[in-house]
Amino acid sequence: MIVHPAVIVHGPGDARAALAPGLPVTLLSAPGAAVFAGCLWWRQVVTAAQKANPAAESTDILDCADASGMALAALRSGVCRLVLWPQAPGWAAVAAIANRQGGFVLTGAPLALDLAEPNAIRRLHRWLAGFDIAGA
């Protein structure tokens, strides 16, 4: 499911920065972003970044934490790649709907570079190129 290195983005600027190097990337929302920012916000962030960098290969995943209702709202809005904790009510139903829409539901967020971390932008290219960022 996750084929490109993941980068946690916190807004449009982060998303554009993640796509700027031109390397394949998975844009991952902050943990629980569906709950505090919403799925329409996420769609706008991703769409704006992709328009700014149309040649960049990317996918996106919205983190819904344990909010099954927000996951269903995301699916209704066209966001079909989600993180939803396995103990969330109706997890299997949400996953089945996502699958029918060509998406998926992960039980936890993938390993990712968080662009809110100090010096993360400096480490971004190496992360996307597949290098270990531990000592970067």
N, C-alpha and C. Protein backbone atom coordinates (compact mmCIF):
# COMPACT_ATOMS: atom_id res chain seq x y z
N MET A 1 0.80 -1.19 0.00
CA MET A 1 0.00 0.00 0.00
C MET A 1 0.85 1.27 0.00
N ILE A 2 1.79 1.36 0.93
CA ILE A 2 2.68 2.53 0.96
C ILE A 2 3.88 2.19 0.10
N VAL A 3 4.02 2.89 -1.00
CA VAL A 3 5.12 2.58 -1.90
C VAL A 3 6.18 3.67 -1.93
N HIS A 4 5.84 4.84 -1.40
CA HIS A 4 6.79 5.95 -1.38
C HIS A 4 7.05 6.36 0.07
N PRO A 5 8.22 6.95 0.34
CA PRO A 5 8.49 7.43 1.69
C PRO A 5 7.41 8.41 2.14
N ALA A 6 7.02 8.31 3.40
CA ALA A 6 5.96 9.16 3.93
C ALA A 6 6.55 10.40 4.62
N VAL A 7 5.83 11.51 4.45
CA VAL A 7 6.21 12.77 5.08
C VAL A 7 4.96 13.35 5.74
N ILE A 8 5.06 13.64 7.04
CA ILE A 8 3.94 14.25 7.75
C ILE A 8 3.93 15.74 7.43
N VAL A 9 2.80 16.19 6.89
CA VAL A 9 2.65 17.60 6.55
C VAL A 9 1.55 18.20 7.42
N HIS A 10 1.75 19.47 7.77
CA HIS A 10 0.84 20.15 8.69
C HIS A 10 0.06 21.28 8.03
N GLY A 11 0.23 21.45 6.75
CA GLY A 11 -0.49 22.50 6.03
C GLY A 11 0.01 22.60 4.61
N PRO A 12 -0.51 23.56 3.87
CA PRO A 12 -0.15 23.69 2.45
C PRO A 12 1.34 23.92 2.20
N GLY A 13 1.98 24.70 3.06
CA GLY A 13 3.41 24.96 2.87
C GLY A 13 4.24 23.68 3.00
N ASP A 14 3.92 22.88 4.00
CA ASP A 14 4.62 21.61 4.17
C ASP A 14 4.38 20.69 2.98
N ALA A 15 3.14 20.64 2.52
CA ALA A 15 2.82 19.75 1.40
C ALA A 15 3.57 20.17 0.14
N ARG A 16 3.61 21.47 -0.13
CA ARG A 16 4.38 21.95 -1.30
C ARG A 16 5.86 21.63 -1.13
N ALA A 17 6.39 21.81 0.07
CA ALA A 17 7.80 21.51 0.33
C ALA A 17 8.10 20.02 0.11
N ALA A 18 7.17 19.16 0.53
CA ALA A 18 7.37 17.72 0.37
C ALA A 18 7.40 17.31 -1.10
N LEU A 19 6.65 18.01 -1.93
CA LEU A 19 6.62 17.69 -3.36
C LEU A 19 7.72 18.38 -4.15
N ALA A 20 8.28 19.45 -3.61
CA ALA A 20 9.25 20.27 -4.33
C ALA A 20 10.48 19.51 -4.84
N PRO A 21 11.04 18.55 -4.09
CA PRO A 21 12.22 17.85 -4.62
C PRO A 21 11.94 17.03 -5.89
N GLY A 22 10.67 16.78 -6.17
CA GLY A 22 10.32 16.03 -7.37
C GLY A 22 10.50 14.53 -7.23
N LEU A 23 10.67 14.05 -6.01
CA LEU A 23 10.81 12.62 -5.76
C LEU A 23 9.47 12.05 -5.29
N PRO A 24 9.19 10.79 -5.59
CA PRO A 24 7.92 10.19 -5.14
C PRO A 24 7.77 10.29 -3.62
N VAL A 25 6.55 10.63 -3.18
CA VAL A 25 6.32 10.87 -1.77
C VAL A 25 4.88 10.51 -1.40
N THR A 26 4.71 10.07 -0.16
CA THR A 26 3.39 9.89 0.42
C THR A 26 3.17 11.04 1.40
N LEU A 27 2.18 11.88 1.11
CA LEU A 27 1.82 12.96 2.02
C LEU A 27 0.93 12.36 3.10
N LEU A 28 1.35 12.47 4.34
CA LEU A 28 0.63 11.92 5.49
C LEU A 28 0.22 13.07 6.38
N SER A 29 -1.06 13.10 6.75
CA SER A 29 -1.50 14.17 7.65
C SER A 29 -0.93 13.94 9.04
N ALA A 30 -1.01 14.97 9.86
CA ALA A 30 -0.62 14.85 11.26
C ALA A 30 -1.54 13.83 11.94
N PRO A 31 -1.08 13.21 13.02
CA PRO A 31 -1.93 12.25 13.72
C PRO A 31 -3.27 12.87 14.12
N GLY A 32 -4.35 12.20 13.75
CA GLY A 32 -5.68 12.66 14.10
C GLY A 32 -6.16 13.90 13.38
N ALA A 33 -5.51 14.29 12.30
CA ALA A 33 -5.86 15.53 11.61
C ALA A 33 -7.31 15.57 11.14
N ALA A 34 -7.87 14.42 10.81
CA ALA A 34 -9.27 14.41 10.38
C ALA A 34 -10.17 14.96 11.48
N VAL A 35 -9.81 14.74 12.73
CA VAL A 35 -10.63 15.16 13.85
C VAL A 35 -10.56 16.67 14.06
N PHE A 36 -9.36 17.24 13.99
CA PHE A 36 -9.23 18.66 14.30
C PHE A 36 -9.17 19.57 13.08
N ALA A 37 -8.92 19.03 11.90
CA ALA A 37 -8.84 19.87 10.71
C ALA A 37 -9.89 19.50 9.66
N GLY A 38 -10.24 18.23 9.59
CA GLY A 38 -11.28 17.80 8.68
C GLY A 38 -10.77 17.27 7.34
N CYS A 39 -11.62 16.49 6.71
CA CYS A 39 -11.24 15.86 5.45
C CYS A 39 -11.24 16.85 4.29
N LEU A 40 -12.11 17.85 4.30
CA LEU A 40 -12.11 18.83 3.21
C LEU A 40 -10.85 19.69 3.26
N TRP A 41 -10.40 20.03 4.47
CA TRP A 41 -9.13 20.74 4.60
C TRP A 41 -8.01 19.91 3.98
N TRP A 42 -8.00 18.61 4.29
CA TRP A 42 -6.95 17.74 3.77
C TRP A 42 -6.99 17.71 2.24
N ARG A 43 -8.17 17.57 1.67
CA ARG A 43 -8.28 17.57 0.20
C ARG A 43 -7.72 18.85 -0.38
N GLN A 44 -8.01 19.98 0.24
CA GLN A 44 -7.51 21.26 -0.26
C GLN A 44 -5.99 21.35 -0.16
N VAL A 45 -5.44 20.89 0.94
CA VAL A 45 -3.98 20.90 1.12
C VAL A 45 -3.31 20.07 0.02
N VAL A 46 -3.79 18.87 -0.19
CA VAL A 46 -3.20 17.96 -1.18
C VAL A 46 -3.38 18.51 -2.59
N THR A 47 -4.58 18.96 -2.91
CA THR A 47 -4.85 19.48 -4.25
C THR A 47 -3.98 20.69 -4.57
N ALA A 48 -3.86 21.61 -3.63
CA ALA A 48 -3.03 22.80 -3.85
C ALA A 48 -1.57 22.42 -4.08
N ALA A 49 -1.07 21.48 -3.29
CA ALA A 49 0.33 21.07 -3.44
C ALA A 49 0.55 20.38 -4.78
N GLN A 50 -0.38 19.54 -5.19
CA GLN A 50 -0.24 18.85 -6.46
C GLN A 50 -0.33 19.82 -7.64
N LYS A 51 -1.16 20.84 -7.53
CA LYS A 51 -1.23 21.86 -8.58
C LYS A 51 0.06 22.65 -8.67
N ALA A 52 0.69 22.90 -7.53
CA ALA A 52 1.95 23.65 -7.51
C ALA A 52 3.11 22.82 -8.05
N ASN A 53 3.00 21.49 -7.94
CA ASN A 53 4.06 20.57 -8.40
C ASN A 53 3.43 19.43 -9.21
N PRO A 54 2.88 19.73 -10.38
CA PRO A 54 2.11 18.72 -11.11
C PRO A 54 2.91 17.50 -11.57
N ALA A 55 4.20 17.63 -11.70
CA ALA A 55 5.01 16.50 -12.16
C ALA A 55 5.41 15.56 -11.03
N ALA A 56 5.23 15.99 -9.79
CA ALA A 56 5.65 15.16 -8.65
C ALA A 56 4.69 13.98 -8.47
N GLU A 57 5.27 12.81 -8.29
CA GLU A 57 4.48 11.60 -8.03
C GLU A 57 4.18 11.53 -6.54
N SER A 58 2.88 11.48 -6.20
CA SER A 58 2.54 11.46 -4.79
C SER A 58 1.23 10.72 -4.56
N THR A 59 1.08 10.30 -3.34
CA THR A 59 -0.18 9.79 -2.84
C THR A 59 -0.39 10.47 -1.50
N ASP A 60 -1.58 10.33 -0.94
CA ASP A 60 -1.85 10.99 0.34
C ASP A 60 -2.65 10.08 1.25
N ILE A 61 -2.45 10.25 2.55
CA ILE A 61 -3.14 9.47 3.58
C ILE A 61 -3.58 10.42 4.68
N LEU A 62 -4.87 10.36 5.01
CA LEU A 62 -5.44 11.17 6.09
C LEU A 62 -5.54 10.32 7.35
N ASP A 63 -4.98 10.82 8.44
CA ASP A 63 -5.03 10.12 9.73
C ASP A 63 -6.30 10.50 10.46
N CYS A 64 -7.14 9.50 10.72
CA CYS A 64 -8.43 9.71 11.40
C CYS A 64 -8.39 9.26 12.86
N ALA A 65 -7.25 8.78 13.35
CA ALA A 65 -7.13 8.26 14.72
C ALA A 65 -8.21 7.22 14.95
N ASP A 66 -9.07 7.40 15.97
CA ASP A 66 -10.13 6.42 16.24
C ASP A 66 -11.51 6.93 15.84
N ALA A 67 -11.55 7.96 14.99
CA ALA A 67 -12.80 8.62 14.63
C ALA A 67 -13.42 7.99 13.37
N SER A 68 -14.20 6.94 13.58
CA SER A 68 -14.84 6.25 12.46
C SER A 68 -15.76 7.19 11.67
N GLY A 69 -16.46 8.06 12.35
CA GLY A 69 -17.35 9.01 11.67
C GLY A 69 -16.58 9.92 10.74
N MET A 70 -15.43 10.38 11.18
CA MET A 70 -14.60 11.24 10.32
C MET A 70 -14.04 10.44 9.15
N ALA A 71 -13.72 9.18 9.39
CA ALA A 71 -13.25 8.33 8.29
C ALA A 71 -14.34 8.16 7.24
N LEU A 72 -15.57 7.96 7.69
CA LEU A 72 -16.69 7.84 6.74
C LEU A 72 -16.92 9.15 5.99
N ALA A 73 -16.79 10.26 6.68
CA ALA A 73 -16.92 11.57 6.02
C ALA A 73 -15.82 11.75 4.97
N ALA A 74 -14.62 11.31 5.31
CA ALA A 74 -13.51 11.40 4.36
C ALA A 74 -13.83 10.57 3.11
N LEU A 75 -14.32 9.37 3.31
CA LEU A 75 -14.67 8.51 2.18
C LEU A 75 -15.75 9.16 1.32
N ARG A 76 -16.74 9.77 1.95
CA ARG A 76 -17.79 10.46 1.19
C ARG A 76 -17.24 11.63 0.39
N SER A 77 -16.18 12.25 0.89
CA SER A 77 -15.60 13.41 0.20
C SER A 77 -14.58 13.01 -0.87
N GLY A 78 -14.31 11.71 -0.98
CA GLY A 78 -13.36 11.26 -2.00
C GLY A 78 -11.96 10.97 -1.47
N VAL A 79 -11.74 11.14 -0.19
CA VAL A 79 -10.45 10.79 0.42
C VAL A 79 -10.55 9.33 0.83
N CYS A 80 -9.80 8.46 0.16
CA CYS A 80 -10.00 7.02 0.39
C CYS A 80 -8.76 6.28 0.87
N ARG A 81 -7.72 7.00 1.27
CA ARG A 81 -6.54 6.38 1.88
C ARG A 81 -6.42 6.97 3.28
N LEU A 82 -6.63 6.10 4.27
CA LEU A 82 -6.80 6.56 5.64
C LEU A 82 -5.98 5.76 6.63
N VAL A 83 -5.73 6.37 7.78
CA VAL A 83 -5.29 5.67 8.98
C VAL A 83 -6.50 5.70 9.91
N LEU A 84 -6.88 4.52 10.42
CA LEU A 84 -7.95 4.41 11.40
C LEU A 84 -7.54 3.31 12.37
N TRP A 85 -7.48 3.65 13.64
CA TRP A 85 -7.04 2.69 14.63
C TRP A 85 -7.93 1.45 14.61
N PRO A 86 -7.36 0.28 14.82
CA PRO A 86 -8.13 -0.96 14.71
C PRO A 86 -9.26 -1.10 15.73
N GLN A 87 -9.18 -0.42 16.87
CA GLN A 87 -10.24 -0.50 17.86
C GLN A 87 -11.40 0.47 17.57
N ALA A 88 -11.29 1.24 16.50
CA ALA A 88 -12.36 2.18 16.14
C ALA A 88 -13.62 1.40 15.77
N PRO A 89 -14.78 1.87 16.22
CA PRO A 89 -16.03 1.19 15.88
C PRO A 89 -16.21 1.11 14.36
N GLY A 90 -16.60 -0.07 13.89
CA GLY A 90 -16.88 -0.24 12.47
C GLY A 90 -15.66 -0.24 11.57
N TRP A 91 -14.48 -0.53 12.13
CA TRP A 91 -13.25 -0.49 11.33
C TRP A 91 -13.39 -1.31 10.06
N ALA A 92 -13.89 -2.54 10.16
CA ALA A 92 -13.99 -3.42 8.99
C ALA A 92 -14.90 -2.82 7.92
N ALA A 93 -15.99 -2.20 8.33
CA ALA A 93 -16.89 -1.58 7.35
C ALA A 93 -16.21 -0.40 6.65
N VAL A 94 -15.50 0.42 7.41
CA VAL A 94 -14.78 1.55 6.83
C VAL A 94 -13.73 1.04 5.84
N ALA A 95 -13.00 0.00 6.23
CA ALA A 95 -11.98 -0.57 5.34
C ALA A 95 -12.60 -1.13 4.07
N ALA A 96 -13.76 -1.77 4.18
CA ALA A 96 -14.42 -2.33 3.01
C ALA A 96 -14.86 -1.23 2.05
N ILE A 97 -15.37 -0.14 2.58
CA ILE A 97 -15.78 0.98 1.73
C ILE A 97 -14.57 1.59 1.04
N ALA A 98 -13.51 1.80 1.79
CA ALA A 98 -12.28 2.36 1.20
C ALA A 98 -11.77 1.46 0.09
N ASN A 99 -11.78 0.17 0.33
CA ASN A 99 -11.32 -0.78 -0.68
C ASN A 99 -12.17 -0.69 -1.95
N ARG A 100 -13.49 -0.60 -1.79
CA ARG A 100 -14.38 -0.47 -2.95
C ARG A 100 -14.10 0.81 -3.74
N GLN A 101 -13.60 1.83 -3.04
CA GLN A 101 -13.29 3.10 -3.70
C GLN A 101 -11.86 3.14 -4.25
N GLY A 102 -11.16 2.02 -4.16
CA GLY A 102 -9.78 1.98 -4.65
C GLY A 102 -8.76 2.45 -3.65
N GLY A 103 -9.15 2.59 -2.40
CA GLY A 103 -8.24 3.05 -1.36
C GLY A 103 -7.91 1.96 -0.37
N PHE A 104 -7.55 2.38 0.82
CA PHE A 104 -7.20 1.44 1.88
C PHE A 104 -7.29 2.13 3.22
N VAL A 105 -7.30 1.31 4.27
CA VAL A 105 -7.27 1.82 5.64
C VAL A 105 -6.14 1.11 6.37
N LEU A 106 -5.22 1.89 6.90
CA LEU A 106 -4.12 1.37 7.70
C LEU A 106 -4.51 1.41 9.17
N THR A 107 -4.00 0.48 9.96
CA THR A 107 -4.29 0.46 11.40
C THR A 107 -3.36 1.38 12.18
N GLY A 108 -2.35 1.90 11.54
CA GLY A 108 -1.42 2.83 12.17
C GLY A 108 -0.67 3.59 11.10
N ALA A 109 -0.14 4.70 11.46
CA ALA A 109 0.60 5.53 10.50
C ALA A 109 1.93 4.87 10.15
N PRO A 110 2.35 5.00 8.90
CA PRO A 110 3.65 4.47 8.51
C PRO A 110 4.78 5.33 9.09
N LEU A 111 5.96 4.78 9.10
CA LEU A 111 7.14 5.54 9.48
C LEU A 111 7.23 6.75 8.56
N ALA A 112 7.45 7.92 9.14
CA ALA A 112 7.43 9.14 8.34
C ALA A 112 8.37 10.19 8.90
N LEU A 113 8.82 11.07 8.02
CA LEU A 113 9.56 12.26 8.42
C LEU A 113 8.53 13.34 8.71
N ASP A 114 8.54 13.89 9.91
CA ASP A 114 7.59 14.93 10.30
C ASP A 114 8.22 16.29 10.01
N LEU A 115 7.60 17.04 9.09
CA LEU A 115 8.17 18.32 8.71
C LEU A 115 8.10 19.36 9.82
N ALA A 116 7.43 19.06 10.93
CA ALA A 116 7.43 19.97 12.08
C ALA A 116 8.68 19.80 12.95
N GLU A 117 9.43 18.74 12.72
CA GLU A 117 10.65 18.51 13.51
C GLU A 117 11.73 19.50 13.10
N PRO A 118 12.59 19.89 14.04
CA PRO A 118 13.69 20.79 13.70
C PRO A 118 14.55 20.20 12.58
N ASN A 119 14.90 21.01 11.63
CA ASN A 119 15.77 20.65 10.51
C ASN A 119 15.19 19.57 9.59
N ALA A 120 13.91 19.31 9.67
CA ALA A 120 13.32 18.28 8.82
C ALA A 120 13.44 18.63 7.34
N ILE A 121 13.25 19.88 6.99
CA ILE A 121 13.36 20.28 5.59
C ILE A 121 14.76 19.97 5.06
N ARG A 122 15.77 20.17 5.89
CA ARG A 122 17.15 19.88 5.48
C ARG A 122 17.34 18.39 5.21
N ARG A 123 16.58 17.54 5.91
CA ARG A 123 16.72 16.09 5.76
C ARG A 123 15.76 15.50 4.71
N LEU A 124 14.87 16.33 4.18
CA LEU A 124 13.80 15.84 3.31
C LEU A 124 14.31 15.09 2.09
N HIS A 125 15.24 15.68 1.36
CA HIS A 125 15.71 15.04 0.13
C HIS A 125 16.31 13.67 0.41
N ARG A 126 17.12 13.56 1.45
CA ARG A 126 17.71 12.26 1.79
C ARG A 126 16.63 11.26 2.17
N TRP A 127 15.62 11.69 2.91
CA TRP A 127 14.53 10.81 3.31
C TRP A 127 13.80 10.28 2.07
N LEU A 128 13.47 11.18 1.16
CA LEU A 128 12.73 10.78 -0.03
C LEU A 128 13.57 9.91 -0.96
N ALA A 129 14.87 10.12 -0.92
CA ALA A 129 15.76 9.33 -1.77
C ALA A 129 16.02 7.94 -1.18
N GLY A 130 15.49 7.69 0.02
CA GLY A 130 15.61 6.37 0.61
C GLY A 130 16.72 6.18 1.60
N PHE A 131 17.37 7.26 2.00
CA PHE A 131 18.41 7.16 3.00
C PHE A 131 17.80 7.18 4.39
N ASP A 132 18.50 6.55 5.34
CA ASP A 132 18.09 6.60 6.73
C ASP A 132 18.37 8.00 7.26
N ILE A 133 17.36 8.64 7.88
CA ILE A 133 17.54 10.00 8.37
C ILE A 133 18.12 10.04 9.78
N ALA A 134 18.36 8.91 10.38
CA ALA A 134 18.74 8.88 11.80
C ALA A 134 19.92 9.80 12.11
N GLY A 135 20.94 9.77 11.35
CA GLY A 135 22.10 10.60 11.67
C GLY A 135 22.26 11.81 10.79
N ALA A 136 21.25 12.09 9.99
CA ALA A 136 21.37 13.17 9.03
C ALA A 136 21.36 14.53 9.66
